Amino acid sequence: MTSSMHSASNWSLKEDIRSYWSKRAETFDLAFGHRIPKGLEHDAWAGEIRSHFGADPLDVLELASGTGEVTGVLLSLGHRVTGIDFSEAMVERSRAKHKGNPRARFILGDAESTKEPDESYDAVVCRHLVWTLTDPEAALHDWYRVLRPGGRVLIFDGDFVNQPLRGRLAKRAMTLLEKFTGPNLHRDPSLSQQHTAILEQLPFRDGLKFETLKVLAEQAGFTDVRRSSYRRINQAQRRIAGPHDWLRTWLHDRFILCGRKL
């Protein structure tokens, strides 16, 4: 994979991305898999993060922090969190959600080029961000730069373009179910079209694979790059989901990538 998006057209694409997520901000927490409700799912996220970071409080940079849902999990574990997001609407929601918490701050910025000081964080975390990057190589180098020696990167992501057999079967079942229950009320057709138009211009438009991301992370300097399973989170989601959302958890191959800076 090569980084070829450095022209004015790339800036237009990034503005489209900003516009898309700003529109999503209003209903983002209503969508299953975006909000992390207290209870089983929150505990599953907390357990996964704790298994990688340990119990000691860390200085964490959360990339594309959105409405602050993963932030809430990090704060519950005692970490100090700086959230960065490209959308002002998302940043405003995060600030409102965590108002008054001295361990949380949110800044408007680009996750591909954070402008944060060198070696200023113990950990970098992101959820469902990498597949949207316009320049993943540059982003991973920047994330490596802001980590202190021994710091860790933790990426929750997946292939949201291609579906395994189980995903295709789940999609058919969802379509059949919607004939009886009606369409998803939070699905905006205009946003779906905008999402498709953006995806077609991205480096990972054919899908994000763990193996590809592992190579990019190692090229950026990360060591001990390995894959962890989404199983604990998916199982918690299935225990609280209705039929439609239960099927949604089977649609795509998700993974967790973790790595370390020497």
C-alpha atoms as a PDB file:
ATOM      1  CA  MET A   1       0.000   0.000   0.000  1.00  0.00           C
ATOM      2  CA  THR A   2       1.266   3.448  -0.865  1.00  0.00           C
ATOM      3  CA  SER A   3       0.367   6.885   0.429  1.00  0.00           C
ATOM      4  CA  SER A   4      -0.691   8.873  -2.601  1.00  0.00           C
ATOM      5  CA  MET A   5      -3.319  11.214  -1.165  1.00  0.00           C
ATOM      6  CA  HIS A   6      -1.470  14.472  -0.621  1.00  0.00           C
ATOM      7  CA  SER A   7      -3.178  16.806  -3.081  1.00  0.00           C
ATOM      8  CA  ALA A   8      -5.986  19.311  -2.682  1.00  0.00           C
ATOM      9  CA  SER A   9      -8.409  16.464  -3.412  1.00  0.00           C
ATOM     10  CA  ASN A  10      -7.290  14.828  -0.186  1.00  0.00           C
ATOM     11  CA  TRP A  11      -8.254  17.915   1.780  1.00  0.00           C
ATOM     12  CA  SER A  12     -11.680  17.804   0.135  1.00  0.00           C
ATOM     13  CA  LEU A  13     -11.999  14.162   1.153  1.00  0.00           C
ATOM     14  CA  LYS A  14     -11.066  14.957   4.741  1.00  0.00           C
ATOM     15  CA  GLU A  15     -13.639  17.718   4.826  1.00  0.00           C
ATOM     16  CA  ASP A  16     -16.217  15.212   3.590  1.00  0.00           C
ATOM     17  CA  ILE A  17     -15.183  12.899   6.405  1.00  0.00           C
ATOM     18  CA  ARG A  18     -15.525  15.721   8.949  1.00  0.00           C
ATOM     19  CA  SER A  19     -18.975  16.575   7.592  1.00  0.00           C
ATOM     20  CA  TYR A  20     -20.111  12.953   7.719  1.00  0.00           C
ATOM     21  CA  TRP A  21     -19.117  12.384  11.353  1.00  0.00           C
ATOM     22  CA  SER A  22     -20.483  15.759  12.415  1.00  0.00           C
ATOM     23  CA  LYS A  23     -23.872  14.713  11.034  1.00  0.00           C
ATOM     24  CA  ARG A  24     -23.569  11.353  12.801  1.00  0.00           C
ATOM     25  CA  ALA A  25     -22.852  12.997  16.164  1.00  0.00           C
ATOM     26  CA  GLU A  26     -26.504  13.657  16.981  1.00  0.00           C
ATOM     27  CA  THR A  27     -27.589  10.010  16.722  1.00  0.00           C
ATOM     28  CA  PHE A  28     -24.263   8.218  17.247  1.00  0.00           C
ATOM     29  CA  ASP A  29     -25.069   7.037  20.774  1.00  0.00           C
ATOM     30  CA  LEU A  30     -28.400   5.605  19.622  1.00  0.00           C
ATOM     31  CA  ALA A  31     -26.737   3.074  17.343  1.00  0.00           C
ATOM     32  CA  PHE A  32     -26.023  -0.394  18.692  1.00  0.00           C
ATOM     33  CA  GLY A  33     -22.285  -1.037  18.922  1.00  0.00           C
ATOM     34  CA  HIS A  34     -21.461   2.658  19.255  1.00  0.00           C
ATOM     35  CA  ARG A  35     -22.830   3.370  22.704  1.00  0.00           C
ATOM     36  CA  ILE A  36     -21.223   1.321  25.493  1.00  0.00           C
ATOM     37  CA  PRO A  37     -23.957   0.886  28.114  1.00  0.00           C
ATOM     38  CA  LYS A  38     -23.159   0.285  31.747  1.00  0.00           C
ATOM     39  CA  GLY A  39     -23.227  -3.353  32.729  1.00  0.00           C
ATOM     40  CA  LEU A  40     -22.112  -6.328  30.686  1.00  0.00           C
ATOM     41  CA  GLU A  41     -20.798  -4.481  27.635  1.00  0.00           C
ATOM     42  CA  HIS A  42     -19.005  -1.798  29.638  1.00  0.00           C
ATOM     43  CA  ASP A  43     -17.420  -4.485  31.790  1.00  0.00           C
ATOM     44  CA  ALA A  44     -16.285  -6.397  28.706  1.00  0.00           C
ATOM     45  CA  TRP A  45     -14.597  -3.308  27.262  1.00  0.00           C
ATOM     46  CA  ALA A  46     -12.995  -2.538  30.615  1.00  0.00           C
ATOM     47  CA  GLY A  47     -11.720  -6.087  30.946  1.00  0.00           C
ATOM     48  CA  GLU A  48     -10.228  -6.040  27.456  1.00  0.00           C
ATOM     49  CA  ILE A  49      -8.446  -2.729  28.007  1.00  0.00           C
ATOM     50  CA  ARG A  50      -7.213  -3.786  31.445  1.00  0.00           C
ATOM     51  CA  SER A  51      -5.777  -6.998  30.012  1.00  0.00           C
ATOM     52  CA  HIS A  52      -3.540  -4.928  27.720  1.00  0.00           C
ATOM     53  CA  PHE A  53      -2.735  -1.931  29.921  1.00  0.00           C
ATOM     54  CA  GLY A  54      -2.637  -3.406  33.407  1.00  0.00           C
ATOM     55  CA  ALA A  55      -4.074  -1.770  36.521  1.00  0.00           C
ATOM     56  CA  ASP A  56      -1.898   1.350  36.866  1.00  0.00           C
ATOM     57  CA  PRO A  57      -3.319   4.714  35.682  1.00  0.00           C
ATOM     58  CA  LEU A  58      -1.843   5.857  32.359  1.00  0.00           C
ATOM     59  CA  ASP A  59      -1.765   8.980  30.224  1.00  0.00           C
ATOM     60  CA  VAL A  60      -3.889   7.882  27.255  1.00  0.00           C
ATOM     61  CA  LEU A  61      -4.400   9.567  23.900  1.00  0.00           C
ATOM     62  CA  GLU A  62      -7.733   8.458  22.487  1.00  0.00           C
ATOM     63  CA  LEU A  63      -7.952   9.025  18.744  1.00  0.00           C
ATOM     64  CA  ALA A  64     -11.290   9.809  17.080  1.00  0.00           C
ATOM     65  CA  SER A  65     -12.833   9.888  20.545  1.00  0.00           C
ATOM     66  CA  GLY A  66     -16.282  10.626  19.119  1.00  0.00           C
ATOM     67  CA  THR A  67     -18.964  11.125  21.743  1.00  0.00           C
ATOM     68  CA  GLY A  68     -16.703   9.874  24.520  1.00  0.00           C
ATOM     69  CA  GLU A  69     -17.996   6.319  24.971  1.00  0.00           C
ATOM     70  CA  VAL A  70     -14.605   4.578  25.047  1.00  0.00           C
ATOM     71  CA  THR A  71     -13.410   7.560  27.066  1.00  0.00           C
ATOM     72  CA  GLY A  72     -15.883   6.600  29.747  1.00  0.00           C
ATOM     73  CA  VAL A  73     -14.426   3.104  29.957  1.00  0.00           C
ATOM     74  CA  LEU A  74     -10.881   4.464  30.185  1.00  0.00           C
ATOM     75  CA  LEU A  75     -11.868   6.910  32.920  1.00  0.00           C
ATOM     76  CA  SER A  76     -13.580   4.144  34.893  1.00  0.00           C
ATOM     77  CA  LEU A  77     -10.213   2.356  34.946  1.00  0.00           C
ATOM     78  CA  GLY A  78      -8.499   5.416  36.422  1.00  0.00           C
ATOM     79  CA  HIS A  79      -6.669   6.575  33.288  1.00  0.00           C
ATOM     80  CA  ARG A  80      -6.064  10.207  32.328  1.00  0.00           C
ATOM     81  CA  VAL A  81      -7.519  10.721  28.854  1.00  0.00           C
ATOM     82  CA  THR A  82      -6.947  13.222  26.090  1.00  0.00           C
ATOM     83  CA  GLY A  83      -9.513  12.716  23.359  1.00  0.00           C
ATOM     84  CA  ILE A  84      -8.928  14.094  19.886  1.00  0.00           C
ATOM     85  CA  ASP A  85     -11.581  14.235  17.189  1.00  0.00           C
ATOM     86  CA  PHE A  86     -11.896  15.840  13.758  1.00  0.00           C
ATOM     87  CA  SER A  87     -15.540  16.810  14.300  1.00  0.00           C
ATOM     88  CA  GLU A  88     -16.403  19.786  16.476  1.00  0.00           C
ATOM     89  CA  ALA A  89     -19.865  18.322  17.057  1.00  0.00           C
ATOM     90  CA  MET A  90     -18.317  15.129  18.429  1.00  0.00           C
ATOM     91  CA  VAL A  91     -15.921  17.072  20.652  1.00  0.00           C
ATOM     92  CA  GLU A  92     -18.792  19.113  22.082  1.00  0.00           C
ATOM     93  CA  ARG A  93     -20.698  15.956  22.986  1.00  0.00           C
ATOM     94  CA  SER A  94     -17.652  14.424  24.650  1.00  0.00           C
ATOM     95  CA  ARG A  95     -17.049  17.545  26.699  1.00  0.00           C
ATOM     96  CA  ALA A  96     -20.663  17.645  27.823  1.00  0.00           C
ATOM     97  CA  LYS A  97     -20.700  13.949  28.700  1.00  0.00           C
ATOM     98  CA  HIS A  98     -17.562  14.151  30.849  1.00  0.00           C
ATOM     99  CA  LYS A  99     -17.923  17.710  32.127  1.00  0.00           C
ATOM    100  CA  GLY A 100     -16.218  18.228  35.449  1.00  0.00           C
ATOM    101  CA  ASN A 101     -13.942  15.195  35.247  1.00  0.00           C
ATOM    102  CA  PRO A 102     -10.389  16.498  35.757  1.00  0.00           C
ATOM    103  CA  ARG A 103      -8.902  13.405  34.106  1.00  0.00           C
ATOM    104  CA  ALA A 104     -10.593  14.067  30.759  1.00  0.00           C
ATOM    105  CA  ARG A 105      -9.856  16.701  28.160  1.00  0.00           C
ATOM    106  CA  PHE A 106     -10.955  16.903  24.541  1.00  0.00           C
ATOM    107  CA  ILE A 107      -9.358  18.736  21.642  1.00  0.00           C
ATOM    108  CA  LEU A 108     -10.343  19.359  18.050  1.00  0.00           C
ATOM    109  CA  GLY A 109      -7.723  17.863  15.767  1.00  0.00           C
ATOM    110  CA  ASP A 110      -6.686  15.353  13.148  1.00  0.00           C
ATOM    111  CA  ALA A 111      -5.969  11.821  14.354  1.00  0.00           C
ATOM    112  CA  GLU A 112      -3.584  11.362  11.418  1.00  0.00           C
ATOM    113  CA  SER A 113      -1.428  14.261  12.607  1.00  0.00           C
ATOM    114  CA  THR A 114      -2.146  14.920  16.258  1.00  0.00           C
ATOM    115  CA  LYS A 115       0.328  17.789  16.825  1.00  0.00           C
ATOM    116  CA  GLU A 116       0.809  16.448  20.354  1.00  0.00           C
ATOM    117  CA  PRO A 117       4.331  16.611  21.894  1.00  0.00           C
ATOM    118  CA  ASP A 118       6.829  13.808  21.356  1.00  0.00           C
ATOM    119  CA  GLU A 119       6.778  10.988  23.926  1.00  0.00           C
ATOM    120  CA  SER A 120       3.905  12.485  25.919  1.00  0.00           C
ATOM    121  CA  TYR A 121       1.611   9.458  26.357  1.00  0.00           C
ATOM    122  CA  ASP A 122       1.761   5.967  27.817  1.00  0.00           C
ATOM    123  CA  ALA A 123      -0.890   4.591  25.469  1.00  0.00           C
ATOM    124  CA  VAL A 124      -2.757   5.336  22.261  1.00  0.00           C
ATOM    125  CA  VAL A 125      -6.258   3.913  21.778  1.00  0.00           C
ATOM    126  CA  CYS A 126      -8.760   4.048  18.936  1.00  0.00           C
ATOM    127  CA  ARG A 127     -11.994   2.317  17.993  1.00  0.00           C
ATOM    128  CA  HIS A 128     -13.124   1.866  14.382  1.00  0.00           C
ATOM    129  CA  LEU A 129     -10.794   4.583  13.120  1.00  0.00           C
ATOM    130  CA  VAL A 130      -8.076   2.960  11.019  1.00  0.00           C
ATOM    131  CA  TRP A 131     -10.349   1.863   8.187  1.00  0.00           C
ATOM    132  CA  THR A 132     -11.300   5.562   7.676  1.00  0.00           C
ATOM    133  CA  LEU A 133      -7.747   6.942   7.483  1.00  0.00           C
ATOM    134  CA  THR A 134      -6.611   8.733   4.333  1.00  0.00           C
ATOM    135  CA  ASP A 135      -2.908   8.184   5.125  1.00  0.00           C
ATOM    136  CA  PRO A 136      -2.538   5.219   7.504  1.00  0.00           C
ATOM    137  CA  GLU A 137       1.257   5.077   7.218  1.00  0.00           C
ATOM    138  CA  ALA A 138       1.667   8.681   8.347  1.00  0.00           C
ATOM    139  CA  ALA A 139      -0.883   8.174  11.119  1.00  0.00           C
ATOM    140  CA  LEU A 140       0.880   5.157  12.613  1.00  0.00           C
ATOM    141  CA  HIS A 141       4.221   6.968  12.547  1.00  0.00           C
ATOM    142  CA  ASP A 142       2.624   9.888  14.374  1.00  0.00           C
ATOM    143  CA  TRP A 143       1.113   7.598  17.011  1.00  0.00           C
ATOM    144  CA  TYR A 144       4.510   5.995  17.534  1.00  0.00           C
ATOM    145  CA  ARG A 145       6.067   9.444  17.927  1.00  0.00           C
ATOM    146  CA  VAL A 146       3.731  10.583  20.723  1.00  0.00           C
ATOM    147  CA  LEU A 147       4.291   7.436  22.810  1.00  0.00           C
ATOM    148  CA  ARG A 148       6.873   7.225  25.550  1.00  0.00           C
ATOM    149  CA  PRO A 149       9.327   4.319  25.446  1.00  0.00           C
ATOM    150  CA  GLY A 150       7.440   1.240  26.530  1.00  0.00           C
ATOM    151  CA  GLY A 151       4.139   2.808  25.455  1.00  0.00           C
ATOM    152  CA  ARG A 152       1.383   0.760  23.875  1.00  0.00           C
ATOM    153  CA  VAL A 153      -0.999   1.157  20.965  1.00  0.00           C
ATOM    154  CA  LEU A 154      -4.396  -0.540  21.143  1.00  0.00           C
ATOM    155  CA  ILE A 155      -6.568  -0.563  18.027  1.00  0.00           C
ATOM    156  CA  PHE A 156     -10.135  -1.895  17.904  1.00  0.00           C
ATOM    157  CA  ASP A 157     -11.135  -2.289  14.272  1.00  0.00           C
ATOM    158  CA  GLY A 158     -12.221  -4.718  11.580  1.00  0.00           C
ATOM    159  CA  ASP A 159     -13.078  -5.414   7.979  1.00  0.00           C
ATOM    160  CA  PHE A 160     -16.341  -3.540   7.481  1.00  0.00           C
ATOM    161  CA  VAL A 161     -16.377  -3.994   3.709  1.00  0.00           C
ATOM    162  CA  ASN A 162     -16.269  -7.762   3.273  1.00  0.00           C
ATOM    163  CA  GLN A 163     -18.460 -10.258   5.073  1.00  0.00           C
ATOM    164  CA  PRO A 164     -17.579 -13.847   5.976  1.00  0.00           C
ATOM    165  CA  LEU A 165     -20.145 -16.567   5.319  1.00  0.00           C
ATOM    166  CA  ARG A 166     -21.705 -16.088   8.741  1.00  0.00           C
ATOM    167  CA  GLY A 167     -21.953 -12.364   8.012  1.00  0.00           C
ATOM    168  CA  ARG A 168     -23.748 -12.923   4.725  1.00  0.00           C
ATOM    169  CA  LEU A 169     -26.189 -15.279   6.414  1.00  0.00           C
ATOM    170  CA  ALA A 170     -26.757 -12.756   9.205  1.00  0.00           C
ATOM    171  CA  LYS A 171     -27.392 -10.009   6.645  1.00  0.00           C
ATOM    172  CA  ARG A 172     -30.051 -12.110   4.927  1.00  0.00           C
ATOM    173  CA  ALA A 173     -31.688 -12.795   8.256  1.00  0.00           C
ATOM    174  CA  MET A 174     -31.647  -9.080   9.119  1.00  0.00           C
ATOM    175  CA  THR A 175     -33.302  -8.232   5.799  1.00  0.00           C
ATOM    176  CA  LEU A 176     -35.995 -10.826   6.428  1.00  0.00           C
ATOM    177  CA  LEU A 177     -36.522  -9.600   9.986  1.00  0.00           C
ATOM    178  CA  GLU A 178     -36.935  -6.000   8.816  1.00  0.00           C
ATOM    179  CA  LYS A 179     -39.882  -7.075   6.657  1.00  0.00           C
ATOM    180  CA  PHE A 180     -41.733  -7.722   9.913  1.00  0.00           C
ATOM    181  CA  THR A 181     -40.205  -5.117  12.240  1.00  0.00           C
ATOM    182  CA  GLY A 182     -39.628  -2.269   9.802  1.00  0.00           C
ATOM    183  CA  PRO A 183     -36.349  -0.546   8.853  1.00  0.00           C
ATOM    184  CA  ASN A 184     -33.764   0.764  11.271  1.00  0.00           C
ATOM    185  CA  LEU A 185     -35.123   4.121  12.442  1.00  0.00           C
ATOM    186  CA  HIS A 186     -31.620   5.529  12.913  1.00  0.00           C
ATOM    187  CA  ARG A 187     -30.516   4.783   9.358  1.00  0.00           C
ATOM    188  CA  ASP A 188     -30.369   7.919   7.213  1.00  0.00           C
ATOM    189  CA  PRO A 189     -30.271   7.070   3.470  1.00  0.00           C
ATOM    190  CA  SER A 190     -28.436  10.288   2.625  1.00  0.00           C
ATOM    191  CA  LEU A 191     -25.718   9.470   5.147  1.00  0.00           C
ATOM    192  CA  SER A 192     -25.425   5.953   3.756  1.00  0.00           C
ATOM    193  CA  GLN A 193     -24.775   7.434   0.321  1.00  0.00           C
ATOM    194  CA  GLN A 194     -22.191   9.833   1.728  1.00  0.00           C
ATOM    195  CA  HIS A 195     -20.520   6.959   3.585  1.00  0.00           C
ATOM    196  CA  THR A 196     -20.258   4.943   0.361  1.00  0.00           C
ATOM    197  CA  ALA A 197     -18.832   7.891  -1.571  1.00  0.00           C
ATOM    198  CA  ILE A 198     -16.167   8.446   1.097  1.00  0.00           C
ATOM    199  CA  LEU A 199     -15.272   4.776   1.384  1.00  0.00           C
ATOM    200  CA  GLU A 200     -14.592   4.520  -2.350  1.00  0.00           C
ATOM    201  CA  GLN A 201     -11.763   7.056  -1.981  1.00  0.00           C
ATOM    202  CA  LEU A 202     -10.028   5.528   1.045  1.00  0.00           C
ATOM    203  CA  PRO A 203      -6.912   3.318   1.073  1.00  0.00           C
ATOM    204  CA  PHE A 204      -8.879   0.561   2.828  1.00  0.00           C
ATOM    205  CA  ARG A 205     -11.837   0.750   0.452  1.00  0.00           C
ATOM    206  CA  ASP A 206     -11.415  -2.996  -0.221  1.00  0.00           C
ATOM    207  CA  GLY A 207     -11.450  -3.796   3.490  1.00  0.00           C
ATOM    208  CA  LEU A 208      -9.015  -3.641   6.393  1.00  0.00           C
ATOM    209  CA  LYS A 209      -7.177  -6.860   7.259  1.00  0.00           C
ATOM    210  CA  PHE A 210      -5.227  -7.454  10.446  1.00  0.00           C
ATOM    211  CA  GLU A 211      -2.241  -8.737   8.507  1.00  0.00           C
ATOM    212  CA  THR A 212      -2.046  -5.514   6.478  1.00  0.00           C
ATOM    213  CA  LEU A 213      -2.310  -3.333   9.573  1.00  0.00           C
ATOM    214  CA  LYS A 214       0.312  -5.431  11.383  1.00  0.00           C
ATOM    215  CA  VAL A 215       2.826  -4.743   8.605  1.00  0.00           C
ATOM    216  CA  LEU A 216       2.098  -1.003   8.716  1.00  0.00           C
ATOM    217  CA  ALA A 217       2.456  -0.934  12.505  1.00  0.00           C
ATOM    218  CA  GLU A 218       5.792  -2.728  12.355  1.00  0.00           C
ATOM    219  CA  GLN A 219       7.018  -0.372   9.630  1.00  0.00           C
ATOM    220  CA  ALA A 220       6.140   2.538  11.939  1.00  0.00           C
ATOM    221  CA  GLY A 221       8.394   1.020  14.602  1.00  0.00           C
ATOM    222  CA  PHE A 222       6.007  -0.958  16.814  1.00  0.00           C
ATOM    223  CA  THR A 223       7.196  -4.301  18.164  1.00  0.00           C
ATOM    224  CA  ASP A 224       5.394  -7.309  19.632  1.00  0.00           C
ATOM    225  CA  VAL A 225       2.460  -6.566  17.327  1.00  0.00           C
ATOM    226  CA  ARG A 226      -0.231  -9.156  17.897  1.00  0.00           C
ATOM    227  CA  ARG A 227      -3.882  -9.850  17.433  1.00  0.00           C
ATOM    228  CA  SER A 228      -6.488 -10.228  20.174  1.00  0.00           C
ATOM    229  CA  SER A 229     -10.053 -11.414  19.828  1.00  0.00           C
ATOM    230  CA  TYR A 230     -13.218  -9.302  19.950  1.00  0.00           C
ATOM    231  CA  ARG A 231     -15.001 -12.320  21.423  1.00  0.00           C
ATOM    232  CA  ARG A 232     -15.415 -10.983  24.954  1.00  0.00           C
ATOM    233  CA  ILE A 233     -17.045  -7.768  23.698  1.00  0.00           C
ATOM    234  CA  ASN A 234     -19.229  -9.538  21.118  1.00  0.00           C
ATOM    235  CA  GLN A 235     -20.475 -12.042  23.679  1.00  0.00           C
ATOM    236  CA  ALA A 236     -21.462  -9.240  26.049  1.00  0.00           C
ATOM    237  CA  GLN A 237     -23.278  -7.407  23.248  1.00  0.00           C
ATOM    238  CA  ARG A 238     -25.221 -10.531  22.285  1.00  0.00           C
ATOM    239  CA  ARG A 239     -26.439 -11.013  25.833  1.00  0.00           C
ATOM    240  CA  ILE A 240     -28.123  -7.596  25.841  1.00  0.00           C
ATOM    241  CA  ALA A 241     -29.116  -7.265  22.174  1.00  0.00           C
ATOM    242  CA  GLY A 242     -32.491  -7.612  20.520  1.00  0.00           C
ATOM    243  CA  PRO A 243     -32.814  -9.944  17.510  1.00  0.00           C
ATOM    244  CA  HIS A 244     -31.736  -7.374  14.882  1.00  0.00           C
ATOM    245  CA  ASP A 245     -28.674  -6.217  16.800  1.00  0.00           C
ATOM    246  CA  TRP A 246     -27.801  -9.787  17.816  1.00  0.00           C
ATOM    247  CA  LEU A 247     -27.519 -10.587  14.111  1.00  0.00           C
ATOM    248  CA  ARG A 248     -25.472  -7.429  13.549  1.00  0.00           C
ATOM    249  CA  THR A 249     -22.697  -8.741  15.799  1.00  0.00           C
ATOM    250  CA  TRP A 250     -22.019 -11.514  13.274  1.00  0.00           C
ATOM    251  CA  LEU A 251     -21.717  -9.306  10.174  1.00  0.00           C
ATOM    252  CA  HIS A 252     -17.985  -8.555  10.085  1.00  0.00           C
ATOM    253  CA  ASP A 253     -14.595  -9.827  11.147  1.00  0.00           C
ATOM    254  CA  ARG A 254     -13.354  -7.575  13.946  1.00  0.00           C
ATOM    255  CA  PHE A 255      -9.976  -7.635  15.614  1.00  0.00           C
ATOM    256  CA  ILE A 256      -7.878  -5.931  18.254  1.00  0.00           C
ATOM    257  CA  LEU A 257      -4.295  -4.998  17.418  1.00  0.00           C
ATOM    258  CA  CYS A 258      -1.835  -4.244  20.169  1.00  0.00           C
ATOM    259  CA  GLY A 259       1.792  -3.210  19.874  1.00  0.00           C
ATOM    260  CA  ARG A 260       4.578  -1.630  21.866  1.00  0.00           C
ATOM    261  CA  LYS A 261       7.177   1.091  21.435  1.00  0.00           C
ATOM    262  CA  LEU A 262      10.618   0.024  22.643  1.00  0.00           C
END
